[in-house]
Amino acid sequence: MPFRFVDEMTAADVAFEVWGENREEMFSSCAAALLNTMAAAPERVERQRRIEIRLEHEELDLLLFSFLQELIFHKDAGQLLLHADDVRIEEREGGFRLTVIAGGERIDAGRHQPLVDVKAVTLHCFQVGVVDNVWKAVVVLDV
């Protein structure tokens, strides 16, 4: 998934930019960047457990915000690290509906090599939009 960390944006938090050919790829890239923030070996996170995440919001950017917060919630509440395997976004009258099939497993410090504990997504510099026909997002995480 295409993303890059943006070190110059913030000193105490973690920031990243993502891009994708469509909204779904952008959301998947954000989930991948979040996982890469939390684990040095995200490729070792096996899909032993599958969960479905369903969210709705009037605004696409706040839907992304809620989605990332949901992934952080599962990390905190269930000790789960998750890949966003199947992302679907429906545009509906009055907003958007997100359905994600996520696969992952409980945190295993030996295999996943935890990096930082992400506490939350912030609205600082948070952006979602289309630039030159590419969906892009900027996210800052509170760690």
N, C-alpha and C. Protein backbone atom coordinates (compact mmCIF):
# COMPACT_ATOMS: atom_id res chain seq x y z
N MET A 1 0.83 -1.17 0.00
CA MET A 1 0.00 0.00 0.00
C MET A 1 0.88 1.24 0.00
N PRO A 2 0.52 2.21 -0.77
CA PRO A 2 1.35 3.41 -0.85
C PRO A 2 1.13 4.38 0.31
N PHE A 3 2.23 4.64 1.03
CA PHE A 3 2.22 5.65 2.08
C PHE A 3 3.65 6.04 2.38
N ARG A 4 3.81 7.20 3.06
CA ARG A 4 5.12 7.60 3.56
C ARG A 4 4.93 8.34 4.86
N PHE A 5 5.89 8.18 5.76
CA PHE A 5 5.86 8.90 7.02
C PHE A 5 6.41 10.30 6.79
N VAL A 6 5.84 11.29 7.49
CA VAL A 6 6.20 12.69 7.31
C VAL A 6 6.80 13.17 8.63
N ASP A 7 8.11 13.05 8.77
CA ASP A 7 8.78 13.38 10.03
C ASP A 7 8.76 14.87 10.35
N GLU A 8 8.80 15.72 9.33
CA GLU A 8 8.89 17.16 9.57
C GLU A 8 7.57 17.79 9.99
N MET A 9 6.47 17.05 9.96
CA MET A 9 5.17 17.62 10.29
C MET A 9 4.96 17.79 11.79
N THR A 10 5.51 16.90 12.58
CA THR A 10 5.26 16.93 14.02
C THR A 10 6.45 16.32 14.76
N ALA A 11 6.73 16.84 15.93
CA ALA A 11 7.87 16.34 16.70
C ALA A 11 7.49 15.21 17.65
N ALA A 12 6.32 15.29 18.26
CA ALA A 12 5.95 14.33 19.29
C ALA A 12 5.05 13.22 18.79
N ASP A 13 4.39 13.42 17.67
CA ASP A 13 3.44 12.45 17.16
C ASP A 13 4.00 11.80 15.89
N VAL A 14 3.19 10.95 15.27
CA VAL A 14 3.57 10.30 14.01
C VAL A 14 2.62 10.78 12.94
N ALA A 15 3.16 11.23 11.81
CA ALA A 15 2.34 11.70 10.70
C ALA A 15 2.65 10.87 9.46
N PHE A 16 1.63 10.66 8.63
CA PHE A 16 1.85 9.98 7.35
C PHE A 16 0.92 10.52 6.29
N GLU A 17 1.35 10.37 5.05
CA GLU A 17 0.55 10.66 3.87
C GLU A 17 0.26 9.34 3.18
N VAL A 18 -0.94 9.21 2.65
CA VAL A 18 -1.28 8.02 1.88
C VAL A 18 -1.91 8.45 0.57
N TRP A 19 -1.92 7.53 -0.39
CA TRP A 19 -2.58 7.80 -1.66
C TRP A 19 -3.10 6.50 -2.24
N GLY A 20 -4.05 6.65 -3.13
CA GLY A 20 -4.64 5.49 -3.77
C GLY A 20 -5.41 5.90 -5.01
N GLU A 21 -5.66 4.93 -5.85
CA GLU A 21 -6.40 5.19 -7.09
C GLU A 21 -7.87 5.48 -6.82
N ASN A 22 -8.38 5.03 -5.67
CA ASN A 22 -9.78 5.26 -5.31
C ASN A 22 -9.87 5.41 -3.80
N ARG A 23 -11.08 5.68 -3.32
CA ARG A 23 -11.27 5.88 -1.88
C ARG A 23 -10.91 4.63 -1.09
N GLU A 24 -11.30 3.47 -1.62
CA GLU A 24 -11.05 2.22 -0.90
C GLU A 24 -9.55 1.96 -0.74
N GLU A 25 -8.79 2.21 -1.79
CA GLU A 25 -7.34 2.01 -1.70
C GLU A 25 -6.72 3.00 -0.72
N MET A 26 -7.23 4.23 -0.70
CA MET A 26 -6.73 5.22 0.26
C MET A 26 -7.01 4.75 1.70
N PHE A 27 -8.20 4.24 1.97
CA PHE A 27 -8.53 3.75 3.31
C PHE A 27 -7.63 2.56 3.67
N SER A 28 -7.42 1.65 2.73
CA SER A 28 -6.53 0.50 2.97
C SER A 28 -5.11 0.95 3.26
N SER A 29 -4.65 1.96 2.53
CA SER A 29 -3.30 2.49 2.74
C SER A 29 -3.17 3.12 4.12
N CYS A 30 -4.22 3.80 4.57
CA CYS A 30 -4.19 4.38 5.91
C CYS A 30 -4.10 3.28 6.97
N ALA A 31 -4.86 2.20 6.78
CA ALA A 31 -4.80 1.08 7.73
C ALA A 31 -3.41 0.46 7.73
N ALA A 32 -2.80 0.34 6.55
CA ALA A 32 -1.44 -0.22 6.47
C ALA A 32 -0.43 0.68 7.16
N ALA A 33 -0.55 1.99 6.96
CA ALA A 33 0.37 2.93 7.61
C ALA A 33 0.19 2.88 9.13
N LEU A 34 -1.04 2.77 9.60
CA LEU A 34 -1.30 2.64 11.04
C LEU A 34 -0.65 1.38 11.58
N LEU A 35 -0.82 0.27 10.90
CA LEU A 35 -0.22 -1.00 11.34
C LEU A 35 1.30 -0.90 11.35
N ASN A 36 1.87 -0.25 10.33
CA ASN A 36 3.32 -0.06 10.27
C ASN A 36 3.83 0.87 11.36
N THR A 37 2.98 1.73 11.87
CA THR A 37 3.35 2.59 12.99
C THR A 37 3.43 1.79 14.28
N MET A 38 2.55 0.81 14.41
CA MET A 38 2.46 0.04 15.66
C MET A 38 3.40 -1.16 15.70
N ALA A 39 3.75 -1.72 14.54
CA ALA A 39 4.54 -2.96 14.51
C ALA A 39 5.64 -2.86 13.46
N ALA A 40 6.85 -3.24 13.85
CA ALA A 40 7.98 -3.23 12.93
C ALA A 40 7.89 -4.35 11.90
N ALA A 41 7.12 -5.38 12.22
CA ALA A 41 6.98 -6.53 11.31
C ALA A 41 5.50 -6.79 11.01
N PRO A 42 4.82 -5.83 10.37
CA PRO A 42 3.39 -6.01 10.11
C PRO A 42 3.10 -7.18 9.18
N GLU A 43 4.07 -7.55 8.36
CA GLU A 43 3.88 -8.69 7.46
C GLU A 43 3.75 -10.00 8.23
N ARG A 44 4.17 -10.00 9.49
CA ARG A 44 4.05 -11.20 10.33
C ARG A 44 2.71 -11.30 11.06
N VAL A 45 1.88 -10.28 10.91
CA VAL A 45 0.55 -10.33 11.51
C VAL A 45 -0.31 -11.25 10.65
N GLU A 46 -0.60 -12.41 11.20
CA GLU A 46 -1.36 -13.42 10.47
C GLU A 46 -2.86 -13.15 10.60
N ARG A 47 -3.59 -13.56 9.61
CA ARG A 47 -5.04 -13.35 9.58
C ARG A 47 -5.74 -14.55 10.24
N GLN A 48 -5.50 -14.68 11.55
CA GLN A 48 -6.08 -15.79 12.31
C GLN A 48 -7.53 -15.51 12.69
N ARG A 49 -7.87 -14.25 12.74
CA ARG A 49 -9.22 -13.85 13.14
C ARG A 49 -9.72 -12.80 12.15
N ARG A 50 -10.97 -12.89 11.79
CA ARG A 50 -11.58 -11.93 10.87
C ARG A 50 -12.71 -11.21 11.60
N ILE A 51 -12.76 -9.89 11.41
CA ILE A 51 -13.87 -9.12 11.96
C ILE A 51 -14.43 -8.22 10.86
N GLU A 52 -15.68 -7.85 11.01
CA GLU A 52 -16.30 -6.92 10.08
C GLU A 52 -16.50 -5.60 10.80
N ILE A 53 -16.09 -4.53 10.15
CA ILE A 53 -16.26 -3.19 10.68
C ILE A 53 -17.26 -2.47 9.77
N ARG A 54 -18.31 -1.94 10.35
CA ARG A 54 -19.31 -1.17 9.61
C ARG A 54 -19.46 0.19 10.26
N LEU A 55 -19.29 1.22 9.46
CA LEU A 55 -19.41 2.58 9.96
C LEU A 55 -20.14 3.43 8.93
N GLU A 56 -20.79 4.47 9.41
CA GLU A 56 -21.44 5.43 8.53
C GLU A 56 -21.11 6.83 9.01
N HIS A 57 -20.99 7.74 8.05
CA HIS A 57 -20.79 9.14 8.40
C HIS A 57 -21.23 10.01 7.24
N GLU A 58 -21.60 11.22 7.55
CA GLU A 58 -22.02 12.17 6.52
C GLU A 58 -20.84 12.65 5.68
N GLU A 59 -19.65 12.70 6.28
CA GLU A 59 -18.46 13.23 5.61
C GLU A 59 -17.42 12.13 5.44
N LEU A 60 -16.79 12.08 4.27
CA LEU A 60 -15.81 11.04 3.98
C LEU A 60 -14.59 11.15 4.89
N ASP A 61 -14.12 12.38 5.14
CA ASP A 61 -12.93 12.52 5.97
C ASP A 61 -13.19 12.02 7.40
N LEU A 62 -14.37 12.31 7.94
CA LEU A 62 -14.68 11.84 9.29
C LEU A 62 -14.97 10.35 9.32
N LEU A 63 -15.37 9.79 8.19
CA LEU A 63 -15.51 8.33 8.10
C LEU A 63 -14.13 7.68 8.20
N LEU A 64 -13.14 8.24 7.53
CA LEU A 64 -11.77 7.74 7.63
C LEU A 64 -11.26 7.88 9.07
N PHE A 65 -11.50 9.02 9.67
CA PHE A 65 -11.11 9.26 11.06
C PHE A 65 -11.71 8.17 11.97
N SER A 66 -13.01 7.92 11.82
CA SER A 66 -13.69 6.91 12.64
C SER A 66 -13.15 5.51 12.40
N PHE A 67 -12.84 5.21 11.15
CA PHE A 67 -12.29 3.90 10.79
C PHE A 67 -10.95 3.67 11.49
N LEU A 68 -10.06 4.64 11.42
CA LEU A 68 -8.75 4.50 12.07
C LEU A 68 -8.91 4.40 13.59
N GLN A 69 -9.83 5.18 14.16
CA GLN A 69 -10.10 5.08 15.59
C GLN A 69 -10.61 3.68 15.95
N GLU A 70 -11.41 3.09 15.09
CA GLU A 70 -11.94 1.74 15.32
C GLU A 70 -10.80 0.72 15.34
N LEU A 71 -9.84 0.85 14.43
CA LEU A 71 -8.69 -0.05 14.42
C LEU A 71 -7.87 0.10 15.71
N ILE A 72 -7.73 1.33 16.18
CA ILE A 72 -7.01 1.58 17.43
C ILE A 72 -7.79 0.99 18.61
N PHE A 73 -9.11 1.10 18.59
CA PHE A 73 -9.95 0.51 19.63
C PHE A 73 -9.72 -1.00 19.71
N HIS A 74 -9.70 -1.68 18.56
CA HIS A 74 -9.49 -3.13 18.57
C HIS A 74 -8.09 -3.49 19.09
N LYS A 75 -7.12 -2.64 18.82
CA LYS A 75 -5.78 -2.86 19.36
C LYS A 75 -5.80 -2.73 20.88
N ASP A 76 -6.51 -1.73 21.39
CA ASP A 76 -6.55 -1.50 22.84
C ASP A 76 -7.45 -2.50 23.56
N ALA A 77 -8.66 -2.71 23.06
CA ALA A 77 -9.64 -3.55 23.75
C ALA A 77 -9.38 -5.04 23.59
N GLY A 78 -8.94 -5.45 22.39
CA GLY A 78 -8.75 -6.87 22.13
C GLY A 78 -7.33 -7.28 21.86
N GLN A 79 -6.39 -6.32 21.96
CA GLN A 79 -4.98 -6.59 21.66
C GLN A 79 -4.81 -7.14 20.24
N LEU A 80 -5.65 -6.65 19.30
CA LEU A 80 -5.63 -7.12 17.92
C LEU A 80 -4.92 -6.14 17.01
N LEU A 81 -4.03 -6.67 16.20
CA LEU A 81 -3.45 -5.93 15.10
C LEU A 81 -4.17 -6.40 13.85
N LEU A 82 -4.63 -5.45 13.02
CA LEU A 82 -5.51 -5.81 11.91
C LEU A 82 -5.04 -5.24 10.57
N HIS A 83 -5.20 -6.06 9.54
CA HIS A 83 -5.05 -5.64 8.14
C HIS A 83 -6.44 -5.34 7.61
N ALA A 84 -6.60 -4.30 6.83
CA ALA A 84 -7.88 -4.02 6.16
C ALA A 84 -7.86 -4.75 4.83
N ASP A 85 -8.45 -5.93 4.79
CA ASP A 85 -8.36 -6.79 3.61
C ASP A 85 -9.37 -6.45 2.52
N ASP A 86 -10.57 -6.12 2.91
CA ASP A 86 -11.61 -5.83 1.92
C ASP A 86 -12.34 -4.57 2.38
N VAL A 87 -12.14 -3.48 1.64
CA VAL A 87 -12.72 -2.19 2.00
C VAL A 87 -13.75 -1.81 0.94
N ARG A 88 -14.95 -1.49 1.40
CA ARG A 88 -16.02 -1.06 0.49
C ARG A 88 -16.65 0.20 1.03
N ILE A 89 -16.79 1.18 0.17
CA ILE A 89 -17.41 2.44 0.54
C ILE A 89 -18.58 2.69 -0.40
N GLU A 90 -19.75 2.87 0.18
CA GLU A 90 -20.94 3.19 -0.60
C GLU A 90 -21.31 4.64 -0.33
N GLU A 91 -21.53 5.37 -1.40
CA GLU A 91 -22.01 6.73 -1.24
C GLU A 91 -23.53 6.66 -1.23
N ARG A 92 -24.11 7.19 -0.18
CA ARG A 92 -25.56 7.13 -0.01
C ARG A 92 -26.08 8.55 0.19
N GLU A 93 -27.35 8.71 -0.01
CA GLU A 93 -27.94 10.02 0.24
C GLU A 93 -27.69 10.39 1.70
N GLY A 94 -27.05 11.49 1.91
CA GLY A 94 -26.76 11.93 3.27
C GLY A 94 -25.45 11.43 3.83
N GLY A 95 -24.63 10.74 3.02
CA GLY A 95 -23.34 10.34 3.55
C GLY A 95 -22.74 9.10 2.91
N PHE A 96 -21.94 8.43 3.71
CA PHE A 96 -21.17 7.28 3.23
C PHE A 96 -21.32 6.12 4.20
N ARG A 97 -21.24 4.91 3.66
CA ARG A 97 -21.24 3.69 4.47
C ARG A 97 -19.97 2.92 4.16
N LEU A 98 -19.26 2.55 5.20
CA LEU A 98 -18.01 1.80 5.10
C LEU A 98 -18.22 0.39 5.63
N THR A 99 -17.78 -0.60 4.86
CA THR A 99 -17.76 -1.98 5.32
C THR A 99 -16.35 -2.52 5.07
N VAL A 100 -15.71 -3.01 6.12
CA VAL A 100 -14.35 -3.52 6.02
C VAL A 100 -14.30 -4.91 6.64
N ILE A 101 -13.71 -5.84 5.90
CA ILE A 101 -13.36 -7.14 6.47
C ILE A 101 -11.88 -7.03 6.83
N ALA A 102 -11.60 -7.14 8.11
CA ALA A 102 -10.23 -7.00 8.61
C ALA A 102 -9.77 -8.34 9.16
N GLY A 103 -8.52 -8.66 8.90
CA GLY A 103 -7.95 -9.89 9.40
C GLY A 103 -6.71 -9.60 10.23
N GLY A 104 -6.55 -10.35 11.30
CA GLY A 104 -5.38 -10.13 12.14
C GLY A 104 -5.30 -11.11 13.28
N GLU A 105 -4.52 -10.73 14.26
CA GLU A 105 -4.31 -11.60 15.41
C GLU A 105 -3.91 -10.77 16.62
N ARG A 106 -3.91 -11.44 17.78
CA ARG A 106 -3.47 -10.79 19.01
C ARG A 106 -2.00 -10.41 18.91
N ILE A 107 -1.65 -9.33 19.57
CA ILE A 107 -0.28 -8.84 19.55
C ILE A 107 0.66 -9.89 20.14
N ASP A 108 1.71 -10.19 19.41
CA ASP A 108 2.77 -11.11 19.84
C ASP A 108 4.06 -10.31 19.75
N ALA A 109 4.55 -9.83 20.89
CA ALA A 109 5.71 -8.94 20.90
C ALA A 109 6.93 -9.55 20.21
N GLY A 110 7.10 -10.85 20.32
CA GLY A 110 8.25 -11.50 19.70
C GLY A 110 8.20 -11.49 18.18
N ARG A 111 7.04 -11.71 17.62
CA ARG A 111 6.91 -11.78 16.16
C ARG A 111 6.61 -10.43 15.52
N HIS A 112 5.78 -9.61 16.16
CA HIS A 112 5.34 -8.36 15.54
C HIS A 112 6.26 -7.18 15.83
N GLN A 113 7.09 -7.30 16.83
CA GLN A 113 8.04 -6.26 17.21
C GLN A 113 7.34 -4.90 17.38
N PRO A 114 6.55 -4.74 18.45
CA PRO A 114 5.83 -3.47 18.66
C PRO A 114 6.77 -2.27 18.66
N LEU A 115 6.29 -1.18 18.06
CA LEU A 115 7.07 0.05 17.97
C LEU A 115 6.57 1.09 18.96
N VAL A 116 5.41 1.67 18.68
CA VAL A 116 4.83 2.68 19.56
C VAL A 116 3.38 2.31 19.83
N ASP A 117 2.88 2.81 20.95
CA ASP A 117 1.48 2.61 21.29
C ASP A 117 0.69 3.81 20.78
N VAL A 118 -0.07 3.61 19.72
CA VAL A 118 -0.89 4.69 19.17
C VAL A 118 -2.10 4.86 20.07
N LYS A 119 -2.30 6.09 20.56
CA LYS A 119 -3.41 6.38 21.45
C LYS A 119 -4.65 6.82 20.69
N ALA A 120 -4.45 7.62 19.62
CA ALA A 120 -5.61 8.17 18.91
C ALA A 120 -5.18 8.79 17.59
N VAL A 121 -6.17 9.02 16.75
CA VAL A 121 -6.00 9.83 15.54
C VAL A 121 -6.33 11.26 15.96
N THR A 122 -5.58 12.21 15.44
CA THR A 122 -5.87 13.62 15.76
C THR A 122 -6.47 14.30 14.53
N LEU A 123 -7.10 15.42 14.75
CA LEU A 123 -7.61 16.23 13.64
C LEU A 123 -6.57 17.26 13.19
N HIS A 124 -5.43 17.30 13.87
CA HIS A 124 -4.35 18.22 13.49
C HIS A 124 -3.84 17.85 12.10
N CYS A 125 -3.95 18.75 11.16
CA CYS A 125 -3.48 18.58 9.77
C CYS A 125 -4.21 17.45 9.02
N PHE A 126 -5.29 16.93 9.57
CA PHE A 126 -6.02 15.83 8.95
C PHE A 126 -6.64 16.31 7.64
N GLN A 127 -6.37 15.59 6.56
CA GLN A 127 -6.87 15.98 5.24
C GLN A 127 -7.24 14.75 4.43
N VAL A 128 -8.30 14.89 3.65
CA VAL A 128 -8.71 13.87 2.68
C VAL A 128 -9.18 14.59 1.44
N GLY A 129 -8.71 14.14 0.28
CA GLY A 129 -9.16 14.77 -0.96
C GLY A 129 -8.54 14.14 -2.18
N VAL A 130 -8.89 14.71 -3.33
CA VAL A 130 -8.37 14.24 -4.61
C VAL A 130 -7.42 15.30 -5.15
N VAL A 131 -6.21 14.87 -5.48
CA VAL A 131 -5.21 15.76 -6.07
C VAL A 131 -4.69 15.07 -7.33
N ASP A 132 -4.85 15.73 -8.47
CA ASP A 132 -4.40 15.17 -9.75
C ASP A 132 -4.95 13.76 -9.97
N ASN A 133 -6.24 13.58 -9.72
CA ASN A 133 -6.93 12.30 -9.91
C ASN A 133 -6.45 11.18 -9.00
N VAL A 134 -5.79 11.53 -7.91
CA VAL A 134 -5.33 10.54 -6.93
C VAL A 134 -5.94 10.90 -5.58
N TRP A 135 -6.53 9.91 -4.91
CA TRP A 135 -7.06 10.12 -3.58
C TRP A 135 -5.91 10.19 -2.59
N LYS A 136 -5.89 11.23 -1.76
CA LYS A 136 -4.80 11.42 -0.79
C LYS A 136 -5.36 11.74 0.58
N ALA A 137 -4.58 11.37 1.59
CA ALA A 137 -4.94 11.69 2.98
C ALA A 137 -3.66 12.00 3.75
N VAL A 138 -3.79 12.88 4.72
CA VAL A 138 -2.72 13.19 5.67
C VAL A 138 -3.29 12.92 7.06
N VAL A 139 -2.55 12.13 7.84
CA VAL A 139 -3.02 11.69 9.16
C VAL A 139 -1.90 11.91 10.18
N VAL A 140 -2.29 12.44 11.34
CA VAL A 140 -1.36 12.57 12.47
C VAL A 140 -1.91 11.71 13.61
N LEU A 141 -1.05 10.86 14.15
CA LEU A 141 -1.42 9.96 15.24
C LEU A 141 -0.83 10.44 16.55
N ASP A 142 -1.60 10.39 17.60
CA ASP A 142 -1.12 10.69 18.95
C ASP A 142 -0.52 9.40 19.50
N VAL A 143 0.78 9.46 19.84
CA VAL A 143 1.47 8.27 20.36
C VAL A 143 1.98 8.51 21.76
